[in-house]
Full PDB file with SEQRES, HELIX, SHEET, SSBOND, CRYST1, ORIGX, SCALE, CONECT and MASTER records, all heavy atoms in Angstrom:
SEQRES   1 A   34  ALA ALA GLU GLY ALA SER SER ALA GLU ILE LEU LYS MET          
SEQRES   2 A   34  THR SER GLY THR LEU MET LYS CYS ILE ALA CYS HIS SER          
SEQRES   3 A   34  ALA TRP GLN LEU LYS ALA ALA ASN                              
HELIX    1 AA1 SER A    7  ALA A   27  1                                  21    
CRYST1    1.000    1.000    1.000  90.00  90.00  90.00 P 1           1          
ORIGX1      1.000000  0.000000  0.000000        0.00000                         
ORIGX2      0.000000  1.000000  0.000000        0.00000                         
ORIGX3      0.000000  0.000000  1.000000        0.00000                         
SCALE1      1.000000  0.000000  0.000000        0.00000                         
SCALE2      0.000000  1.000000  0.000000        0.00000                         
SCALE3      0.000000  0.000000  1.000000        0.00000                         
ATOM      1  N   ALA A   1     -47.479  78.898 -19.826  1.00  0.00           N  
ATOM      2  CA  ALA A   1     -46.638  78.628 -18.755  1.00  0.00           C  
ATOM      3  C   ALA A   1     -46.174  77.186 -18.656  1.00  0.00           C  
ATOM      4  O   ALA A   1     -45.000  76.915 -18.310  1.00  0.00           O  
ATOM      5  CB  ALA A   1     -47.488  78.975 -17.466  1.00  0.00           C  
ATOM      6  N   ALA A   2     -47.073  76.298 -18.992  1.00  0.00           N  
ATOM      7  CA  ALA A   2     -46.713  74.890 -19.069  1.00  0.00           C  
ATOM      8  C   ALA A   2     -45.669  74.540 -20.067  1.00  0.00           C  
ATOM      9  O   ALA A   2     -44.829  73.582 -19.899  1.00  0.00           O  
ATOM     10  CB  ALA A   2     -47.998  73.984 -19.263  1.00  0.00           C  
ATOM     11  N   GLU A   3     -45.707  75.311 -21.143  1.00  0.00           N  
ATOM     12  CA  GLU A   3     -44.662  75.109 -22.199  1.00  0.00           C  
ATOM     13  C   GLU A   3     -43.331  75.936 -21.985  1.00  0.00           C  
ATOM     14  O   GLU A   3     -42.599  75.981 -22.915  1.00  0.00           O  
ATOM     15  CB  GLU A   3     -45.367  75.456 -23.517  1.00  0.00           C  
ATOM     16  CG  GLU A   3     -46.442  74.576 -23.929  1.00  0.00           C  
ATOM     17  CD  GLU A   3     -47.164  74.925 -25.233  1.00  0.00           C  
ATOM     18  OE1 GLU A   3     -46.973  75.958 -25.715  1.00  0.00           O  
ATOM     19  OE2 GLU A   3     -47.963  74.063 -25.656  1.00  0.00           O  
ATOM     20  N   GLY A   4     -43.252  76.587 -20.864  1.00  0.00           N  
ATOM     21  CA  GLY A   4     -41.979  77.294 -20.507  1.00  0.00           C  
ATOM     22  C   GLY A   4     -41.917  78.712 -20.788  1.00  0.00           C  
ATOM     23  O   GLY A   4     -40.752  79.227 -20.970  1.00  0.00           O  
ATOM     24  N   ALA A   5     -42.938  79.345 -21.025  1.00  0.00           N  
ATOM     25  CA  ALA A   5     -42.940  80.800 -21.350  1.00  0.00           C  
ATOM     26  C   ALA A   5     -42.167  81.569 -20.270  1.00  0.00           C  
ATOM     27  O   ALA A   5     -42.205  81.167 -19.084  1.00  0.00           O  
ATOM     28  CB  ALA A   5     -44.384  81.345 -21.523  1.00  0.00           C  
ATOM     29  N   SER A   6     -41.549  82.742 -20.591  1.00  0.00           N  
ATOM     30  CA  SER A   6     -40.994  83.453 -19.603  1.00  0.00           C  
ATOM     31  C   SER A   6     -41.907  84.288 -18.757  1.00  0.00           C  
ATOM     32  O   SER A   6     -43.031  84.424 -19.254  1.00  0.00           O  
ATOM     33  CB  SER A   6     -39.982  84.547 -20.293  1.00  0.00           C  
ATOM     34  OG  SER A   6     -40.690  85.466 -21.040  1.00  0.00           O  
ATOM     35  N   SER A   7     -41.501  84.715 -17.621  1.00  0.00           N  
ATOM     36  CA  SER A   7     -42.384  85.562 -16.797  1.00  0.00           C  
ATOM     37  C   SER A   7     -42.818  86.800 -17.587  1.00  0.00           C  
ATOM     38  O   SER A   7     -43.970  87.199 -17.493  1.00  0.00           O  
ATOM     39  CB  SER A   7     -41.676  86.057 -15.539  1.00  0.00           C  
ATOM     40  OG  SER A   7     -41.409  84.862 -14.689  1.00  0.00           O  
ATOM     41  N   ALA A   8     -41.899  87.462 -18.405  1.00  0.00           N  
ATOM     42  CA  ALA A   8     -42.258  88.576 -19.182  1.00  0.00           C  
ATOM     43  C   ALA A   8     -43.398  88.303 -20.155  1.00  0.00           C  
ATOM     44  O   ALA A   8     -44.308  89.043 -20.326  1.00  0.00           O  
ATOM     45  CB  ALA A   8     -41.049  89.164 -19.900  1.00  0.00           C  
ATOM     46  N   GLU A   9     -43.308  87.085 -20.826  1.00  0.00           N  
ATOM     47  CA  GLU A   9     -44.402  86.647 -21.717  1.00  0.00           C  
ATOM     48  C   GLU A   9     -45.712  86.540 -20.976  1.00  0.00           C  
ATOM     49  O   GLU A   9     -46.779  86.948 -21.445  1.00  0.00           O  
ATOM     50  CB  GLU A   9     -44.011  85.409 -22.401  1.00  0.00           C  
ATOM     51  CG  GLU A   9     -42.857  85.557 -23.426  1.00  0.00           C  
ATOM     52  CD  GLU A   9     -42.324  84.152 -23.936  1.00  0.00           C  
ATOM     53  OE1 GLU A   9     -41.918  83.468 -23.185  1.00  0.00           O  
ATOM     54  OE2 GLU A   9     -42.537  83.964 -25.134  1.00  0.00           O  
ATOM     55  N   ILE A  10     -45.599  85.900 -19.767  1.00  0.00           N  
ATOM     56  CA  ILE A  10     -46.878  85.687 -19.068  1.00  0.00           C  
ATOM     57  C   ILE A  10     -47.496  87.051 -18.614  1.00  0.00           C  
ATOM     58  O   ILE A  10     -48.700  87.168 -18.728  1.00  0.00           O  
ATOM     59  CB  ILE A  10     -46.558  84.757 -17.823  1.00  0.00           C  
ATOM     60  CG1 ILE A  10     -46.150  83.400 -18.263  1.00  0.00           C  
ATOM     61  CG2 ILE A  10     -47.838  84.714 -16.867  1.00  0.00           C  
ATOM     62  CD1 ILE A  10     -47.181  82.588 -19.031  1.00  0.00           C  
ATOM     63  N   LEU A  11     -46.613  88.021 -18.197  1.00  0.00           N  
ATOM     64  CA  LEU A  11     -47.091  89.280 -17.764  1.00  0.00           C  
ATOM     65  C   LEU A  11     -47.761  90.030 -18.931  1.00  0.00           C  
ATOM     66  O   LEU A  11     -48.775  90.674 -18.727  1.00  0.00           O  
ATOM     67  CB  LEU A  11     -46.029  90.067 -17.062  1.00  0.00           C  
ATOM     68  CG  LEU A  11     -45.446  89.547 -15.807  1.00  0.00           C  
ATOM     69  CD1 LEU A  11     -44.267  90.295 -15.324  1.00  0.00           C  
ATOM     70  CD2 LEU A  11     -46.557  89.543 -14.672  1.00  0.00           C  
ATOM     71  N   LYS A  12     -47.149  89.965 -20.080  1.00  0.00           N  
ATOM     72  CA  LYS A  12     -47.739  90.485 -21.277  1.00  0.00           C  
ATOM     73  C   LYS A  12     -49.086  89.960 -21.612  1.00  0.00           C  
ATOM     74  O   LYS A  12     -49.988  90.697 -21.866  1.00  0.00           O  
ATOM     75  CB  LYS A  12     -46.816  90.393 -22.417  1.00  0.00           C  
ATOM     76  CG  LYS A  12     -47.285  91.143 -23.730  1.00  0.00           C  
ATOM     77  CD  LYS A  12     -46.286  91.071 -24.828  1.00  0.00           C  
ATOM     78  CE  LYS A  12     -46.730  91.883 -25.966  1.00  0.00           C  
ATOM     79  NZ  LYS A  12     -45.809  91.818 -27.174  1.00  0.00           N  
ATOM     80  N   MET A  13     -49.271  88.676 -21.593  1.00  0.00           N  
ATOM     81  CA  MET A  13     -50.445  88.024 -21.840  1.00  0.00           C  
ATOM     82  C   MET A  13     -51.587  88.396 -20.754  1.00  0.00           C  
ATOM     83  O   MET A  13     -52.711  88.724 -21.133  1.00  0.00           O  
ATOM     84  CB  MET A  13     -50.331  86.493 -21.920  1.00  0.00           C  
ATOM     85  CG  MET A  13     -49.507  85.979 -22.978  1.00  0.00           C  
ATOM     86  SD  MET A  13     -49.152  84.111 -22.818  1.00  0.00           S  
ATOM     87  CE  MET A  13     -50.686  83.470 -23.380  1.00  0.00           C  
ATOM     88  N   THR A  14     -51.126  88.436 -19.479  1.00  0.00           N  
ATOM     89  CA  THR A  14     -51.978  88.843 -18.374  1.00  0.00           C  
ATOM     90  C   THR A  14     -52.477  90.291 -18.600  1.00  0.00           C  
ATOM     91  O   THR A  14     -53.607  90.596 -18.316  1.00  0.00           O  
ATOM     92  CB  THR A  14     -51.356  88.545 -16.969  1.00  0.00           C  
ATOM     93  OG1 THR A  14     -50.984  87.187 -17.010  1.00  0.00           O  
ATOM     94  CG2 THR A  14     -52.397  88.814 -15.888  1.00  0.00           C  
ATOM     95  N   SER A  15     -51.570  91.133 -18.966  1.00  0.00           N  
ATOM     96  CA  SER A  15     -51.944  92.492 -19.102  1.00  0.00           C  
ATOM     97  C   SER A  15     -53.042  92.696 -20.284  1.00  0.00           C  
ATOM     98  O   SER A  15     -53.961  93.408 -20.124  1.00  0.00           O  
ATOM     99  CB  SER A  15     -50.632  93.336 -19.502  1.00  0.00           C  
ATOM    100  OG  SER A  15     -51.058  94.716 -19.754  1.00  0.00           O  
ATOM    101  N   GLY A  16     -52.804  91.997 -21.375  1.00  0.00           N  
ATOM    102  CA  GLY A  16     -53.869  91.938 -22.394  1.00  0.00           C  
ATOM    103  C   GLY A  16     -55.201  91.476 -21.915  1.00  0.00           C  
ATOM    104  O   GLY A  16     -56.260  92.024 -22.303  1.00  0.00           O  
ATOM    105  N   THR A  17     -55.218  90.484 -21.025  1.00  0.00           N  
ATOM    106  CA  THR A  17     -56.475  89.905 -20.648  1.00  0.00           C  
ATOM    107  C   THR A  17     -57.055  90.958 -19.671  1.00  0.00           C  
ATOM    108  O   THR A  17     -58.282  91.211 -19.697  1.00  0.00           O  
ATOM    109  CB  THR A  17     -56.234  88.605 -19.881  1.00  0.00           C  
ATOM    110  OG1 THR A  17     -55.666  87.718 -20.680  1.00  0.00           O  
ATOM    111  CG2 THR A  17     -57.469  88.048 -19.216  1.00  0.00           C  
ATOM    112  N   LEU A  18     -56.330  91.593 -18.807  1.00  0.00           N  
ATOM    113  CA  LEU A  18     -56.886  92.622 -17.880  1.00  0.00           C  
ATOM    114  C   LEU A  18     -57.490  93.783 -18.629  1.00  0.00           C  
ATOM    115  O   LEU A  18     -58.423  94.445 -18.127  1.00  0.00           O  
ATOM    116  CB  LEU A  18     -55.785  93.114 -16.952  1.00  0.00           C  
ATOM    117  CG  LEU A  18     -55.469  92.136 -15.789  1.00  0.00           C  
ATOM    118  CD1 LEU A  18     -54.241  92.632 -14.991  1.00  0.00           C  
ATOM    119  CD2 LEU A  18     -56.674  92.036 -14.854  1.00  0.00           C  
ATOM    120  N   MET A  19     -57.078  94.100 -19.837  1.00  0.00           N  
ATOM    121  CA  MET A  19     -57.633  95.121 -20.644  1.00  0.00           C  
ATOM    122  C   MET A  19     -59.071  94.783 -21.012  1.00  0.00           C  
ATOM    123  O   MET A  19     -59.949  95.619 -21.060  1.00  0.00           O  
ATOM    124  CB  MET A  19     -56.841  95.380 -21.878  1.00  0.00           C  
ATOM    125  CG  MET A  19     -55.498  95.990 -21.596  1.00  0.00           C  
ATOM    126  SD  MET A  19     -55.604  97.571 -20.794  1.00  0.00           S  
ATOM    127  CE  MET A  19     -56.452  98.581 -21.988  1.00  0.00           C  
ATOM    128  N   LYS A  20     -59.384  93.455 -21.210  1.00  0.00           N  
ATOM    129  CA  LYS A  20     -60.745  92.952 -21.424  1.00  0.00           C  
ATOM    130  C   LYS A  20     -61.620  93.258 -20.127  1.00  0.00           C  
ATOM    131  O   LYS A  20     -62.691  93.571 -20.322  1.00  0.00           O  
ATOM    132  CB  LYS A  20     -60.732  91.573 -21.916  1.00  0.00           C  
ATOM    133  CG  LYS A  20     -59.973  91.376 -23.251  1.00  0.00           C  
ATOM    134  CD  LYS A  20     -59.947  89.928 -23.614  1.00  0.00           C  
ATOM    135  CE  LYS A  20     -59.240  89.718 -24.920  1.00  0.00           C  
ATOM    136  NZ  LYS A  20     -59.121  88.354 -25.321  1.00  0.00           N  
ATOM    137  N   CYS A  21     -61.043  92.960 -19.032  1.00  0.00           N  
ATOM    138  CA  CYS A  21     -61.775  93.107 -17.730  1.00  0.00           C  
ATOM    139  C   CYS A  21     -62.176  94.645 -17.613  1.00  0.00           C  
ATOM    140  O   CYS A  21     -63.210  94.956 -17.294  1.00  0.00           O  
ATOM    141  CB  CYS A  21     -60.970  92.656 -16.579  1.00  0.00           C  
ATOM    142  SG  CYS A  21     -60.475  90.898 -16.622  1.00  0.00           S  
ATOM    143  N   ILE A  22     -61.214  95.484 -17.903  1.00  0.00           N  
ATOM    144  CA  ILE A  22     -61.490  96.944 -17.794  1.00  0.00           C  
ATOM    145  C   ILE A  22     -62.520  97.324 -18.799  1.00  0.00           C  
ATOM    146  O   ILE A  22     -63.403  98.133 -18.469  1.00  0.00           O  
ATOM    147  CB  ILE A  22     -60.099  97.709 -18.053  1.00  0.00           C  
ATOM    148  CG1 ILE A  22     -59.121  97.456 -16.810  1.00  0.00           C  
ATOM    149  CG2 ILE A  22     -60.396  99.236 -18.201  1.00  0.00           C  
ATOM    150  CD1 ILE A  22     -57.795  97.964 -17.091  1.00  0.00           C  
ATOM    151  N   ALA A  23     -62.492  96.853 -20.028  1.00  0.00           N  
ATOM    152  CA  ALA A  23     -63.487  97.130 -21.027  1.00  0.00           C  
ATOM    153  C   ALA A  23     -64.866  96.750 -20.555  1.00  0.00           C  
ATOM    154  O   ALA A  23     -65.826  97.568 -20.693  1.00  0.00           O  
ATOM    155  CB  ALA A  23     -63.136  96.453 -22.325  1.00  0.00           C  
ATOM    156  N   CYS A  24     -64.941  95.532 -19.993  1.00  0.00           N  
ATOM    157  CA  CYS A  24     -66.194  94.953 -19.545  1.00  0.00           C  
ATOM    158  C   CYS A  24     -66.791  95.890 -18.401  1.00  0.00           C  
ATOM    159  O   CYS A  24     -67.909  96.299 -18.375  1.00  0.00           O  
ATOM    160  CB  CYS A  24     -66.157  93.541 -19.139  1.00  0.00           C  
ATOM    161  SG  CYS A  24     -67.685  92.767 -18.716  1.00  0.00           S  
ATOM    162  N   HIS A  25     -65.925  96.048 -17.371  1.00  0.00           N  
ATOM    163  CA  HIS A  25     -66.428  96.900 -16.289  1.00  0.00           C  
ATOM    164  C   HIS A  25     -66.708  98.312 -16.531  1.00  0.00           C  
ATOM    165  O   HIS A  25     -67.462  98.940 -15.882  1.00  0.00           O  
ATOM    166  CB  HIS A  25     -65.344  96.760 -15.119  1.00  0.00           C  
ATOM    167  CG  HIS A  25     -65.435  95.436 -14.371  1.00  0.00           C  
ATOM    168  ND1 HIS A  25     -66.118  95.173 -13.221  1.00  0.00           N  
ATOM    169  CD2 HIS A  25     -64.777  94.248 -14.723  1.00  0.00           C  
ATOM    170  CE1 HIS A  25     -66.017  93.898 -12.935  1.00  0.00           C  
ATOM    171  NE2 HIS A  25     -65.159  93.285 -13.816  1.00  0.00           N  
ATOM    172  N   SER A  26     -66.025  98.877 -17.624  1.00  0.00           N  
ATOM    173  CA  SER A  26     -66.296 100.187 -18.109  1.00  0.00           C  
ATOM    174  C   SER A  26     -67.680 100.272 -18.827  1.00  0.00           C  
ATOM    175  O   SER A  26     -68.262 101.358 -18.759  1.00  0.00           O  
ATOM    176  CB  SER A  26     -65.204 100.717 -18.995  1.00  0.00           C  
ATOM    177  OG  SER A  26     -64.076 100.715 -18.317  1.00  0.00           O  
ATOM    178  N   ALA A  27     -68.147  99.235 -19.448  1.00  0.00           N  
ATOM    179  CA  ALA A  27     -69.343  99.263 -20.252  1.00  0.00           C  
ATOM    180  C   ALA A  27     -70.613  98.766 -19.380  1.00  0.00           C  
ATOM    181  O   ALA A  27     -71.637  99.309 -19.744  1.00  0.00           O  
ATOM    182  CB  ALA A  27     -69.135  98.380 -21.387  1.00  0.00           C  
ATOM    183  N   TRP A  28     -70.405  97.878 -18.508  1.00  0.00           N  
ATOM    184  CA  TRP A  28     -71.653  97.305 -17.847  1.00  0.00           C  
ATOM    185  C   TRP A  28     -71.550  97.269 -16.342  1.00  0.00           C  
ATOM    186  O   TRP A  28     -70.604  97.398 -15.753  1.00  0.00           O  
ATOM    187  CB  TRP A  28     -71.783  95.823 -18.263  1.00  0.00           C  
ATOM    188  CG  TRP A  28     -72.123  95.689 -19.711  1.00  0.00           C  
ATOM    189  CD1 TRP A  28     -73.327  95.990 -20.320  1.00  0.00           C  
ATOM    190  CD2 TRP A  28     -71.281  95.315 -20.797  1.00  0.00           C  
ATOM    191  NE1 TRP A  28     -73.298  95.752 -21.690  1.00  0.00           N  
ATOM    192  CE2 TRP A  28     -72.051  95.330 -22.045  1.00  0.00           C  
ATOM    193  CE3 TRP A  28     -69.995  94.887 -20.850  1.00  0.00           C  
ATOM    194  CZ2 TRP A  28     -71.519  95.059 -23.164  1.00  0.00           C  
ATOM    195  CZ3 TRP A  28     -69.368  94.555 -22.145  1.00  0.00           C  
ATOM    196  CH2 TRP A  28     -70.252  94.600 -23.247  1.00  0.00           C  
ATOM    197  N   GLN A  29     -72.756  97.345 -15.804  1.00  0.00           N  
ATOM    198  CA  GLN A  29     -72.933  97.157 -14.347  1.00  0.00           C  
ATOM    199  C   GLN A  29     -74.031  95.981 -14.205  1.00  0.00           C  
ATOM    200  O   GLN A  29     -74.803  95.788 -14.988  1.00  0.00           O  
ATOM    201  CB  GLN A  29     -73.377  98.390 -13.665  1.00  0.00           C  
ATOM    202  CG  GLN A  29     -74.708  98.923 -14.072  1.00  0.00           C  
ATOM    203  CD  GLN A  29     -75.024 100.245 -13.358  1.00  0.00           C  
ATOM    204  OE1 GLN A  29     -76.280 100.328 -12.940  1.00  0.00           O  
ATOM    205  NE2 GLN A  29     -74.226 101.155 -13.144  1.00  0.00           N  
ATOM    206  N   LEU A  30     -74.008  95.300 -13.146  1.00  0.00           N  
ATOM    207  CA  LEU A  30     -74.900  94.271 -12.873  1.00  0.00           C  
ATOM    208  C   LEU A  30     -75.988  94.767 -11.813  1.00  0.00           C  
ATOM    209  O   LEU A  30     -75.661  95.316 -10.805  1.00  0.00           O  
ATOM    210  CB  LEU A  30     -74.343  93.023 -12.308  1.00  0.00           C  
ATOM    211  CG  LEU A  30     -73.282  92.333 -13.249  1.00  0.00           C  
ATOM    212  CD1 LEU A  30     -72.627  91.115 -12.484  1.00  0.00           C  
ATOM    213  CD2 LEU A  30     -73.781  91.942 -14.520  1.00  0.00           C  
ATOM    214  N   LYS A  31     -77.191  94.726 -12.336  1.00  0.00           N  
ATOM    215  CA  LYS A  31     -78.360  95.186 -11.447  1.00  0.00           C  
ATOM    216  C   LYS A  31     -79.242  94.092 -11.058  1.00  0.00           C  
ATOM    217  O   LYS A  31     -79.679  93.247 -11.902  1.00  0.00           O  
ATOM    218  CB  LYS A  31     -79.134  96.268 -12.251  1.00  0.00           C  
ATOM    219  CG  LYS A  31     -80.339  96.840 -11.533  1.00  0.00           C  
ATOM    220  CD  LYS A  31     -80.982  97.817 -12.410  1.00  0.00           C  
ATOM    221  CE  LYS A  31     -82.229  98.389 -11.672  1.00  0.00           C  
ATOM    222  NZ  LYS A  31     -82.948  99.319 -12.496  1.00  0.00           N  
ATOM    223  N   ALA A  32     -79.599  93.935  -9.788  1.00  0.00           N  
ATOM    224  CA  ALA A  32     -80.527  92.911  -9.367  1.00  0.00           C  
ATOM    225  C   ALA A  32     -81.921  93.351  -9.677  1.00  0.00           C  
ATOM    226  O   ALA A  32     -82.332  94.458  -9.490  1.00  0.00           O  
ATOM    227  CB  ALA A  32     -80.353  92.717  -7.864  1.00  0.00           C  
ATOM    228  N   ALA A  33     -82.670  92.407 -10.295  1.00  0.00           N  
ATOM    229  CA  ALA A  33     -84.050  92.668 -10.544  1.00  0.00           C  
ATOM    230  C   ALA A  33     -84.945  92.918  -9.320  1.00  0.00           C  
ATOM    231  O   ALA A  33     -84.630  92.253  -8.275  1.00  0.00           O  
ATOM    232  CB  ALA A  33     -84.655  91.477 -11.390  1.00  0.00           C  
ATOM    233  N   ASN A  34     -85.797  93.736  -9.368  1.00  0.00           N  
ATOM    234  CA  ASN A  34     -86.602  94.041  -8.122  1.00  0.00           C  
ATOM    235  C   ASN A  34     -87.822  93.043  -8.024  1.00  0.00           C  
ATOM    236  O   ASN A  34     -88.347  92.495  -8.748  1.00  0.00           O  
ATOM    237  CB  ASN A  34     -87.241  95.383  -8.245  1.00  0.00           C  
ATOM    238  CG  ASN A  34     -86.145  96.413  -8.145  1.00  0.00           C  
ATOM    239  OD1 ASN A  34     -85.110  96.262  -7.513  1.00  0.00           O  
ATOM    240  ND2 ASN A  34     -86.420  97.535  -8.836  1.00  0.00           N  
TER     241      ASN A  34                                                      
MASTER        0    0    0    1    0    0    0    6  240    1    0    3          
END                                                                             
């Protein structure tokens, strides 16, 4: 963004990052120790 990427480029990068979030949330849950 600081180097002048287009909105489309930023959205593509963000979409790729969100796929990692989905992968993580699909694989793990956080459980508090008793």
